[in-house]
Amino acid sequence: MFPILLSSFFSGWASAWGASIGGIALAVIGVVLIMVEIVIPGFGAAGISGGIALIAGLILGSAGSLTYAMFSLLIIVALLIIFAAVVFHSALKGKLSRSPVVLNTSIDAGSTELFDDDMQSLIGKHGRTATALHPSGIAVIEGRRLDVVSLAEFIGKGEEIEVVRVEGVKILVRRV
C-alpha cells in the first residue's frame, strides 16, 4: 500500500513540475542566485532575488499543492546545504583561496610611499593645498601630493598649511 502511495505522490509531483516550464526556470534561477550569494557574498541582492525567484518557482511549479511545494523546497534546501558544505570545506582546506574569486594580494606598510617613518618626518613641514580642505583634501608638501585632513576647519585651495601630526596614514594639518 505504501509503495503505491509513494509512487502516486512522485508521479503527481513530477507531472506538476513537468507542466510548468516557468516554475522550473524560476526555481533554477533562484537556486543559481542563492549559490552565487554563497560563493560571492555581497549586499544580499543575489540572495534576496534568488529567494524571491525560488518562492515564485515553487508556487508555479507545485500546481497549487502545498505538499508538492514543501517537498520541492526540501529537495532544494538539501541541495543548497550540500553546495554550501562543499564551498566551506573547500575554504577550510585552502582550495577556495587559490580560486580567482578570492583576492589574495595585500599591501605592506613599507611597500607604499607613505610608510610610518616617512610620514613622521612630515611633522612641522609646510605646503600648499591643491584642493579645498573641508576637512579632507589634497595638499602638496615637499613636492608630493598627499591626502591630508585639516583640524576641524575649512581651508581654501592654494593656502599655506603646516603638518601638525600624523596618525597612521592620516596627515593632520592646520592653516599657517
N, C-alpha and C. Protein backbone atom coordinates (compact mmCIF):
# COMPACT_ATOMS: atom_id res chain seq x y z
N MET A 1 0.81 -1.19 0.00
CA MET A 1 0.00 0.00 0.00
C MET A 1 0.86 1.27 0.00
N PHE A 2 1.91 1.29 0.89
CA PHE A 2 2.78 2.47 0.98
C PHE A 2 3.53 2.72 -0.33
N PRO A 3 4.07 1.67 -1.00
CA PRO A 3 4.75 1.93 -2.28
C PRO A 3 3.82 2.53 -3.33
N ILE A 4 2.57 2.14 -3.32
CA ILE A 4 1.62 2.68 -4.30
C ILE A 4 1.37 4.17 -4.00
N LEU A 5 1.20 4.54 -2.72
CA LEU A 5 1.00 5.93 -2.35
C LEU A 5 2.24 6.77 -2.68
N LEU A 6 3.40 6.20 -2.43
CA LEU A 6 4.65 6.89 -2.72
C LEU A 6 4.81 7.09 -4.22
N SER A 7 4.50 6.07 -4.98
CA SER A 7 4.57 6.16 -6.44
C SER A 7 3.58 7.18 -6.97
N SER A 8 2.40 7.20 -6.41
CA SER A 8 1.38 8.16 -6.81
C SER A 8 1.82 9.59 -6.49
N PHE A 9 2.43 9.78 -5.30
CA PHE A 9 2.90 11.10 -4.91
C PHE A 9 3.98 11.58 -5.88
N PHE A 10 4.98 10.72 -6.14
CA PHE A 10 6.07 11.14 -7.02
C PHE A 10 5.61 11.40 -8.44
N SER A 11 4.67 10.60 -8.94
CA SER A 11 4.18 10.85 -10.30
C SER A 11 3.38 12.14 -10.36
N GLY A 12 2.60 12.44 -9.33
CA GLY A 12 1.86 13.70 -9.28
C GLY A 12 2.80 14.89 -9.16
N TRP A 13 3.84 14.74 -8.33
CA TRP A 13 4.83 15.81 -8.15
C TRP A 13 5.59 16.06 -9.45
N ALA A 14 6.02 15.00 -10.11
CA ALA A 14 6.76 15.15 -11.36
C ALA A 14 5.88 15.74 -12.46
N SER A 15 4.62 15.33 -12.54
CA SER A 15 3.75 15.87 -13.58
C SER A 15 3.42 17.34 -13.32
N ALA A 16 3.31 17.74 -12.05
CA ALA A 16 3.07 19.15 -11.72
C ALA A 16 4.25 20.00 -12.17
N TRP A 17 5.44 19.52 -11.90
CA TRP A 17 6.63 20.28 -12.31
C TRP A 17 6.82 20.22 -13.82
N GLY A 18 6.48 19.10 -14.43
CA GLY A 18 6.65 18.97 -15.88
C GLY A 18 5.72 19.89 -16.65
N ALA A 19 4.60 20.25 -16.06
CA ALA A 19 3.63 21.12 -16.73
C ALA A 19 3.99 22.59 -16.60
N SER A 20 5.00 22.91 -15.80
CA SER A 20 5.31 24.31 -15.53
C SER A 20 6.75 24.63 -15.88
N ILE A 21 6.98 25.01 -17.13
CA ILE A 21 8.32 25.40 -17.57
C ILE A 21 8.77 26.66 -16.84
N GLY A 22 7.84 27.61 -16.65
CA GLY A 22 8.16 28.86 -15.94
C GLY A 22 8.56 28.60 -14.49
N GLY A 23 7.86 27.68 -13.85
CA GLY A 23 8.20 27.34 -12.46
C GLY A 23 9.58 26.73 -12.37
N ILE A 24 9.90 25.85 -13.30
CA ILE A 24 11.23 25.23 -13.32
C ILE A 24 12.30 26.30 -13.55
N ALA A 25 12.05 27.17 -14.52
CA ALA A 25 13.03 28.22 -14.83
C ALA A 25 13.25 29.13 -13.63
N LEU A 26 12.17 29.56 -12.98
CA LEU A 26 12.32 30.43 -11.81
C LEU A 26 13.02 29.72 -10.66
N ALA A 27 12.71 28.46 -10.43
CA ALA A 27 13.37 27.72 -9.36
C ALA A 27 14.86 27.56 -9.63
N VAL A 28 15.21 27.26 -10.88
CA VAL A 28 16.63 27.10 -11.23
C VAL A 28 17.35 28.44 -11.10
N ILE A 29 16.75 29.50 -11.59
CA ILE A 29 17.35 30.83 -11.47
C ILE A 29 17.53 31.19 -9.99
N GLY A 30 16.52 30.90 -9.18
CA GLY A 30 16.60 31.18 -7.75
C GLY A 30 17.73 30.42 -7.08
N VAL A 31 17.86 29.15 -7.39
CA VAL A 31 18.93 28.33 -6.80
C VAL A 31 20.30 28.86 -7.23
N VAL A 32 20.44 29.19 -8.51
CA VAL A 32 21.72 29.71 -9.01
C VAL A 32 22.08 31.03 -8.32
N LEU A 33 21.11 31.93 -8.17
CA LEU A 33 21.37 33.20 -7.49
C LEU A 33 21.76 33.01 -6.03
N ILE A 34 21.13 32.06 -5.36
CA ILE A 34 21.50 31.78 -3.97
C ILE A 34 22.91 31.20 -3.91
N MET A 35 23.26 30.34 -4.86
CA MET A 35 24.62 29.79 -4.91
C MET A 35 25.64 30.90 -5.15
N VAL A 36 25.30 31.84 -6.01
CA VAL A 36 26.20 32.98 -6.26
C VAL A 36 26.39 33.76 -4.97
N GLU A 37 25.33 33.96 -4.21
CA GLU A 37 25.43 34.69 -2.94
C GLU A 37 26.29 33.93 -1.93
N ILE A 38 26.25 32.61 -1.95
CA ILE A 38 27.07 31.82 -1.05
C ILE A 38 28.55 31.97 -1.39
N VAL A 39 28.87 31.94 -2.68
CA VAL A 39 30.27 31.99 -3.12
C VAL A 39 30.82 33.40 -3.09
N ILE A 40 30.04 34.37 -3.55
CA ILE A 40 30.50 35.76 -3.63
C ILE A 40 29.58 36.61 -2.76
N PRO A 41 29.87 36.70 -1.47
CA PRO A 41 29.00 37.49 -0.60
C PRO A 41 29.01 38.96 -1.01
N GLY A 42 27.86 39.55 -0.99
CA GLY A 42 27.75 40.96 -1.35
C GLY A 42 26.74 41.63 -0.46
N PHE A 43 25.92 42.43 -1.05
CA PHE A 43 24.91 43.17 -0.30
C PHE A 43 23.64 42.35 -0.10
N GLY A 44 23.59 41.14 -0.61
CA GLY A 44 22.43 40.29 -0.45
C GLY A 44 21.45 40.37 -1.60
N ALA A 45 21.76 41.18 -2.62
CA ALA A 45 20.82 41.34 -3.74
C ALA A 45 20.62 40.01 -4.47
N ALA A 46 21.70 39.28 -4.70
CA ALA A 46 21.58 37.99 -5.40
C ALA A 46 20.80 37.01 -4.54
N GLY A 47 21.08 36.97 -3.24
CA GLY A 47 20.38 36.05 -2.35
C GLY A 47 18.90 36.36 -2.21
N ILE A 48 18.59 37.64 -2.07
CA ILE A 48 17.18 38.04 -1.94
C ILE A 48 16.43 37.78 -3.24
N SER A 49 17.05 38.16 -4.36
CA SER A 49 16.42 37.90 -5.67
C SER A 49 16.25 36.41 -5.90
N GLY A 50 17.26 35.63 -5.50
CA GLY A 50 17.17 34.18 -5.64
C GLY A 50 16.06 33.60 -4.80
N GLY A 51 15.91 34.10 -3.57
CA GLY A 51 14.84 33.62 -2.70
C GLY A 51 13.47 33.92 -3.27
N ILE A 52 13.31 35.13 -3.80
CA ILE A 52 12.03 35.52 -4.42
C ILE A 52 11.73 34.65 -5.64
N ALA A 53 12.75 34.47 -6.49
CA ALA A 53 12.56 33.63 -7.68
C ALA A 53 12.25 32.19 -7.29
N LEU A 54 12.92 31.70 -6.26
CA LEU A 54 12.69 30.33 -5.79
C LEU A 54 11.26 30.16 -5.28
N ILE A 55 10.78 31.10 -4.49
CA ILE A 55 9.42 31.02 -3.97
C ILE A 55 8.40 31.09 -5.11
N ALA A 56 8.64 32.01 -6.04
CA ALA A 56 7.73 32.11 -7.20
C ALA A 56 7.75 30.82 -8.01
N GLY A 57 8.93 30.25 -8.19
CA GLY A 57 9.04 28.98 -8.93
C GLY A 57 8.34 27.85 -8.22
N LEU A 58 8.44 27.81 -6.90
CA LEU A 58 7.75 26.76 -6.14
C LEU A 58 6.24 26.91 -6.24
N ILE A 59 5.77 28.16 -6.22
CA ILE A 59 4.32 28.37 -6.34
C ILE A 59 3.83 27.95 -7.72
N LEU A 60 4.57 28.34 -8.76
CA LEU A 60 4.16 27.97 -10.12
C LEU A 60 4.34 26.47 -10.38
N GLY A 61 5.45 25.92 -9.87
CA GLY A 61 5.76 24.52 -10.18
C GLY A 61 5.00 23.50 -9.39
N SER A 62 4.45 23.88 -8.27
CA SER A 62 3.78 22.89 -7.42
C SER A 62 2.32 22.71 -7.79
N ALA A 63 1.86 23.43 -8.76
CA ALA A 63 0.47 23.32 -9.24
C ALA A 63 -0.53 23.55 -8.11
N GLY A 64 -0.19 24.46 -7.19
CA GLY A 64 -1.11 24.81 -6.12
C GLY A 64 -1.15 23.85 -4.97
N SER A 65 -0.33 22.81 -4.97
CA SER A 65 -0.34 21.84 -3.89
C SER A 65 0.73 22.19 -2.87
N LEU A 66 0.32 22.40 -1.63
CA LEU A 66 1.27 22.74 -0.57
C LEU A 66 2.22 21.57 -0.31
N THR A 67 1.74 20.36 -0.43
CA THR A 67 2.58 19.18 -0.21
C THR A 67 3.69 19.11 -1.26
N TYR A 68 3.33 19.33 -2.54
CA TYR A 68 4.34 19.30 -3.60
C TYR A 68 5.35 20.44 -3.41
N ALA A 69 4.86 21.62 -3.01
CA ALA A 69 5.75 22.76 -2.80
C ALA A 69 6.72 22.49 -1.65
N MET A 70 6.25 21.93 -0.56
CA MET A 70 7.12 21.63 0.58
C MET A 70 8.15 20.55 0.22
N PHE A 71 7.73 19.56 -0.53
CA PHE A 71 8.67 18.52 -0.94
C PHE A 71 9.74 19.11 -1.86
N SER A 72 9.33 19.97 -2.78
CA SER A 72 10.28 20.61 -3.68
C SER A 72 11.25 21.50 -2.88
N LEU A 73 10.71 22.22 -1.92
CA LEU A 73 11.55 23.09 -1.09
C LEU A 73 12.55 22.26 -0.29
N LEU A 74 12.12 21.11 0.21
CA LEU A 74 13.01 20.22 0.95
C LEU A 74 14.17 19.75 0.07
N ILE A 75 13.88 19.40 -1.15
CA ILE A 75 14.93 18.98 -2.08
C ILE A 75 15.89 20.13 -2.37
N ILE A 76 15.36 21.31 -2.62
CA ILE A 76 16.20 22.47 -2.95
C ILE A 76 17.06 22.87 -1.76
N VAL A 77 16.49 22.87 -0.56
CA VAL A 77 17.26 23.22 0.63
C VAL A 77 18.37 22.19 0.85
N ALA A 78 18.08 20.93 0.63
CA ALA A 78 19.10 19.90 0.77
C ALA A 78 20.24 20.12 -0.23
N LEU A 79 19.91 20.47 -1.47
CA LEU A 79 20.95 20.75 -2.47
C LEU A 79 21.78 21.97 -2.09
N LEU A 80 21.14 23.03 -1.58
CA LEU A 80 21.86 24.22 -1.16
C LEU A 80 22.77 23.94 0.03
N ILE A 81 22.32 23.11 0.97
CA ILE A 81 23.15 22.75 2.12
C ILE A 81 24.37 21.96 1.65
N ILE A 82 24.18 21.03 0.73
CA ILE A 82 25.30 20.27 0.18
C ILE A 82 26.27 21.21 -0.52
N PHE A 83 25.76 22.14 -1.32
CA PHE A 83 26.62 23.10 -2.03
C PHE A 83 27.40 23.96 -1.04
N ALA A 84 26.72 24.47 -0.01
CA ALA A 84 27.39 25.30 0.99
C ALA A 84 28.45 24.50 1.74
N ALA A 85 28.16 23.24 2.05
CA ALA A 85 29.14 22.40 2.74
C ALA A 85 30.39 22.21 1.89
N VAL A 86 30.20 21.99 0.59
CA VAL A 86 31.35 21.84 -0.32
C VAL A 86 32.16 23.12 -0.37
N VAL A 87 31.49 24.27 -0.46
CA VAL A 87 32.19 25.56 -0.52
C VAL A 87 32.96 25.80 0.77
N PHE A 88 32.33 25.57 1.93
CA PHE A 88 33.00 25.81 3.20
C PHE A 88 34.13 24.81 3.44
N HIS A 89 33.93 23.57 3.04
CA HIS A 89 35.00 22.58 3.15
C HIS A 89 36.19 23.00 2.29
N SER A 90 35.90 23.48 1.10
CA SER A 90 36.96 23.96 0.20
C SER A 90 37.67 25.16 0.81
N ALA A 91 36.92 26.04 1.45
CA ALA A 91 37.53 27.22 2.08
C ALA A 91 38.44 26.81 3.24
N LEU A 92 38.00 25.82 4.02
CA LEU A 92 38.81 25.37 5.15
C LEU A 92 40.08 24.66 4.69
N LYS A 93 40.02 23.97 3.57
CA LYS A 93 41.19 23.28 3.04
C LYS A 93 42.13 24.21 2.30
N GLY A 94 41.68 25.44 2.05
CA GLY A 94 42.53 26.40 1.35
C GLY A 94 42.37 26.39 -0.16
N LYS A 95 41.49 25.55 -0.68
CA LYS A 95 41.30 25.49 -2.13
C LYS A 95 40.61 26.74 -2.65
N LEU A 96 39.70 27.28 -1.86
CA LEU A 96 38.97 28.47 -2.28
C LEU A 96 39.89 29.67 -2.38
N SER A 97 40.92 29.73 -1.51
CA SER A 97 41.82 30.87 -1.54
C SER A 97 42.68 30.90 -2.79
N ARG A 98 42.77 29.78 -3.51
CA ARG A 98 43.54 29.75 -4.74
C ARG A 98 42.66 29.99 -5.98
N SER A 99 41.37 30.23 -5.75
CA SER A 99 40.47 30.47 -6.87
C SER A 99 40.52 31.93 -7.27
N PRO A 100 40.12 32.25 -8.51
CA PRO A 100 40.14 33.65 -8.94
C PRO A 100 39.06 34.50 -8.26
N VAL A 101 38.16 33.89 -7.50
CA VAL A 101 37.10 34.62 -6.83
C VAL A 101 37.64 35.39 -5.63
N VAL A 102 38.70 34.87 -4.98
CA VAL A 102 39.22 35.44 -3.76
C VAL A 102 40.44 36.30 -4.06
N LEU A 103 40.47 37.51 -3.52
CA LEU A 103 41.59 38.42 -3.68
C LEU A 103 42.65 38.06 -2.65
N ASN A 104 43.85 37.71 -3.12
CA ASN A 104 44.90 37.26 -2.22
C ASN A 104 46.02 38.28 -2.03
N THR A 105 45.96 39.40 -2.69
CA THR A 105 47.05 40.37 -2.58
C THR A 105 46.86 41.22 -1.33
N SER A 106 47.97 41.71 -0.81
CA SER A 106 47.92 42.60 0.34
C SER A 106 48.98 43.67 0.15
N ILE A 107 48.85 44.74 0.91
CA ILE A 107 49.79 45.84 0.82
C ILE A 107 50.55 45.91 2.14
N ASP A 108 51.87 45.83 2.08
CA ASP A 108 52.71 46.02 3.26
C ASP A 108 52.90 47.52 3.47
N ALA A 109 53.06 47.90 4.72
CA ALA A 109 53.23 49.32 5.02
C ALA A 109 54.47 49.87 4.32
N GLY A 110 55.54 49.09 4.27
CA GLY A 110 56.77 49.55 3.64
C GLY A 110 56.73 49.56 2.13
N SER A 111 55.74 48.90 1.53
CA SER A 111 55.69 48.85 0.07
C SER A 111 55.05 50.09 -0.53
N THR A 112 54.43 50.92 0.30
CA THR A 112 53.85 52.15 -0.20
C THR A 112 54.82 53.29 0.05
N GLU A 113 54.61 54.39 -0.61
CA GLU A 113 55.49 55.54 -0.38
C GLU A 113 55.14 56.26 0.91
N LEU A 114 54.06 55.84 1.55
CA LEU A 114 53.61 56.53 2.77
C LEU A 114 53.73 55.63 4.00
N PHE A 115 54.90 55.09 4.26
CA PHE A 115 55.04 54.29 5.46
C PHE A 115 55.38 55.19 6.64
N ASP A 116 55.29 54.67 7.85
CA ASP A 116 55.28 55.47 9.07
C ASP A 116 56.50 56.39 9.25
N ASP A 117 57.73 55.88 9.03
CA ASP A 117 58.91 56.73 9.24
C ASP A 117 58.88 57.94 8.34
N ASP A 118 58.51 57.72 7.08
CA ASP A 118 58.43 58.81 6.11
C ASP A 118 57.35 59.81 6.51
N MET A 119 56.24 59.30 7.00
CA MET A 119 55.12 60.15 7.38
C MET A 119 55.48 61.01 8.59
N GLN A 120 56.15 60.42 9.57
CA GLN A 120 56.51 61.17 10.78
C GLN A 120 57.47 62.32 10.47
N SER A 121 58.27 62.16 9.43
CA SER A 121 59.22 63.22 9.07
C SER A 121 58.51 64.45 8.49
N LEU A 122 57.22 64.32 8.16
CA LEU A 122 56.46 65.46 7.61
C LEU A 122 56.02 66.45 8.69
N ILE A 123 56.06 66.05 9.96
CA ILE A 123 55.58 66.93 11.03
C ILE A 123 56.40 68.22 11.04
N GLY A 124 55.71 69.35 11.03
CA GLY A 124 56.35 70.66 11.02
C GLY A 124 56.62 71.20 9.62
N LYS A 125 56.47 70.39 8.59
CA LYS A 125 56.72 70.83 7.21
C LYS A 125 55.54 71.69 6.73
N HIS A 126 55.86 72.59 5.79
CA HIS A 126 54.85 73.47 5.23
C HIS A 126 54.56 73.05 3.79
N GLY A 127 53.37 73.37 3.32
CA GLY A 127 52.97 73.09 1.95
C GLY A 127 51.79 73.94 1.57
N ARG A 128 51.20 73.65 0.41
CA ARG A 128 50.03 74.39 -0.08
C ARG A 128 48.93 73.40 -0.42
N THR A 129 47.70 73.84 -0.20
CA THR A 129 46.56 72.98 -0.54
C THR A 129 46.36 72.98 -2.05
N ALA A 130 46.17 71.80 -2.59
CA ALA A 130 45.88 71.66 -4.02
C ALA A 130 44.37 71.68 -4.25
N THR A 131 43.62 71.31 -3.23
CA THR A 131 42.16 71.38 -3.26
C THR A 131 41.72 72.02 -1.94
N ALA A 132 40.49 72.42 -1.87
CA ALA A 132 39.96 72.93 -0.60
C ALA A 132 39.88 71.78 0.39
N LEU A 133 40.18 72.06 1.63
CA LEU A 133 40.09 71.04 2.68
C LEU A 133 38.86 71.31 3.51
N HIS A 134 37.90 70.41 3.42
CA HIS A 134 36.67 70.57 4.22
C HIS A 134 36.20 69.24 4.75
N PRO A 135 36.76 68.62 5.71
CA PRO A 135 38.08 68.89 6.26
C PRO A 135 39.19 68.14 5.53
N SER A 136 38.85 67.23 4.61
CA SER A 136 39.93 66.50 3.93
C SER A 136 40.08 66.97 2.50
N GLY A 137 41.25 66.72 1.95
CA GLY A 137 41.54 67.11 0.58
C GLY A 137 42.98 66.76 0.24
N ILE A 138 43.53 67.46 -0.74
CA ILE A 138 44.88 67.17 -1.20
C ILE A 138 45.75 68.41 -1.01
N ALA A 139 46.98 68.16 -0.57
CA ALA A 139 47.95 69.24 -0.40
C ALA A 139 49.27 68.80 -1.03
N VAL A 140 50.09 69.78 -1.40
CA VAL A 140 51.43 69.49 -1.91
C VAL A 140 52.41 69.88 -0.82
N ILE A 141 53.11 68.86 -0.33
CA ILE A 141 54.10 69.07 0.73
C ILE A 141 55.42 68.50 0.24
N GLU A 142 56.45 69.35 0.17
CA GLU A 142 57.77 68.96 -0.33
C GLU A 142 57.66 68.34 -1.72
N GLY A 143 56.80 68.90 -2.56
CA GLY A 143 56.66 68.45 -3.94
C GLY A 143 55.84 67.19 -4.12
N ARG A 144 55.27 66.66 -3.04
CA ARG A 144 54.45 65.43 -3.13
C ARG A 144 53.00 65.76 -2.86
N ARG A 145 52.11 65.22 -3.70
CA ARG A 145 50.67 65.37 -3.49
C ARG A 145 50.23 64.32 -2.48
N LEU A 146 49.66 64.79 -1.38
CA LEU A 146 49.26 63.89 -0.29
C LEU A 146 47.83 64.17 0.12
N ASP A 147 47.15 63.14 0.56
CA ASP A 147 45.82 63.30 1.15
C ASP A 147 46.02 63.79 2.58
N VAL A 148 45.36 64.88 2.93
CA VAL A 148 45.50 65.48 4.25
C VAL A 148 44.13 65.78 4.84
N VAL A 149 44.12 66.00 6.16
CA VAL A 149 42.89 66.34 6.88
C VAL A 149 43.18 67.57 7.72
N SER A 150 42.33 68.59 7.61
CA SER A 150 42.52 69.80 8.42
C SER A 150 41.97 69.55 9.82
N LEU A 151 42.45 70.34 10.76
CA LEU A 151 42.00 70.23 12.14
C LEU A 151 40.67 70.96 12.32
N ALA A 152 39.59 70.37 11.85
CA ALA A 152 38.23 70.86 12.04
C ALA A 152 37.99 72.26 11.50
N GLU A 153 38.69 72.65 10.46
CA GLU A 153 38.41 73.95 9.86
C GLU A 153 38.47 73.83 8.34
N PHE A 154 37.77 74.73 7.69
CA PHE A 154 37.80 74.80 6.24
C PHE A 154 39.05 75.58 5.83
N ILE A 155 39.81 75.00 4.89
CA ILE A 155 40.98 75.69 4.35
C ILE A 155 40.80 75.71 2.84
N GLY A 156 40.86 76.90 2.27
CA GLY A 156 40.64 77.05 0.83
C GLY A 156 41.81 76.54 0.00
N LYS A 157 41.56 76.43 -1.30
CA LYS A 157 42.58 75.98 -2.25
C LYS A 157 43.69 77.03 -2.36
N GLY A 158 44.94 76.56 -2.39
CA GLY A 158 46.09 77.43 -2.58
C GLY A 158 46.61 78.07 -1.30
N GLU A 159 46.05 77.74 -0.16
CA GLU A 159 46.50 78.33 1.10
C GLU A 159 47.67 77.54 1.67
N GLU A 160 48.50 78.24 2.45
CA GLU A 160 49.66 77.59 3.06
C GLU A 160 49.21 76.83 4.30
N ILE A 161 49.77 75.62 4.44
CA ILE A 161 49.41 74.77 5.58
C ILE A 161 50.69 74.24 6.23
N GLU A 162 50.51 73.72 7.46
CA GLU A 162 51.61 73.10 8.20
C GLU A 162 51.12 71.75 8.72
N VAL A 163 51.98 70.73 8.64
CA VAL A 163 51.65 69.42 9.17
C VAL A 163 51.81 69.46 10.69
N VAL A 164 50.72 69.18 11.40
CA VAL A 164 50.70 69.24 12.86
C VAL A 164 51.07 67.89 13.47
N ARG A 165 50.43 66.83 12.98
CA ARG A 165 50.74 65.48 13.47
C ARG A 165 50.32 64.45 12.43
N VAL A 166 50.80 63.23 12.64
CA VAL A 166 50.50 62.12 11.75
C VAL A 166 49.97 60.97 12.60
N GLU A 167 48.82 60.45 12.21
CA GLU A 167 48.21 59.30 12.89
C GLU A 167 48.04 58.19 11.87
N GLY A 168 48.95 57.24 11.88
CA GLY A 168 48.91 56.18 10.87
C GLY A 168 49.24 56.78 9.52
N VAL A 169 48.29 56.73 8.59
CA VAL A 169 48.49 57.36 7.29
C VAL A 169 47.66 58.64 7.15
N LYS A 170 47.10 59.10 8.27
CA LYS A 170 46.33 60.33 8.25
C LYS A 170 47.25 61.50 8.62
N ILE A 171 47.35 62.46 7.71
CA ILE A 171 48.19 63.64 7.92
C ILE A 171 47.28 64.78 8.33
N LEU A 172 47.47 65.29 9.55
CA LEU A 172 46.63 66.37 10.08
C LEU A 172 47.37 67.68 9.91
N VAL A 173 46.68 68.67 9.32
CA VAL A 173 47.31 69.96 9.00
C VAL A 173 46.47 71.10 9.57
N ARG A 174 47.11 72.28 9.62
CA ARG A 174 46.41 73.50 10.03
C ARG A 174 46.87 74.62 9.12
N ARG A 175 46.06 75.67 9.04
CA ARG A 175 46.38 76.84 8.24
C ARG A 175 47.52 77.60 8.93
N VAL A 176 48.46 78.11 8.12
CA VAL A 176 49.57 78.89 8.67
C VAL A 176 49.19 80.36 8.65
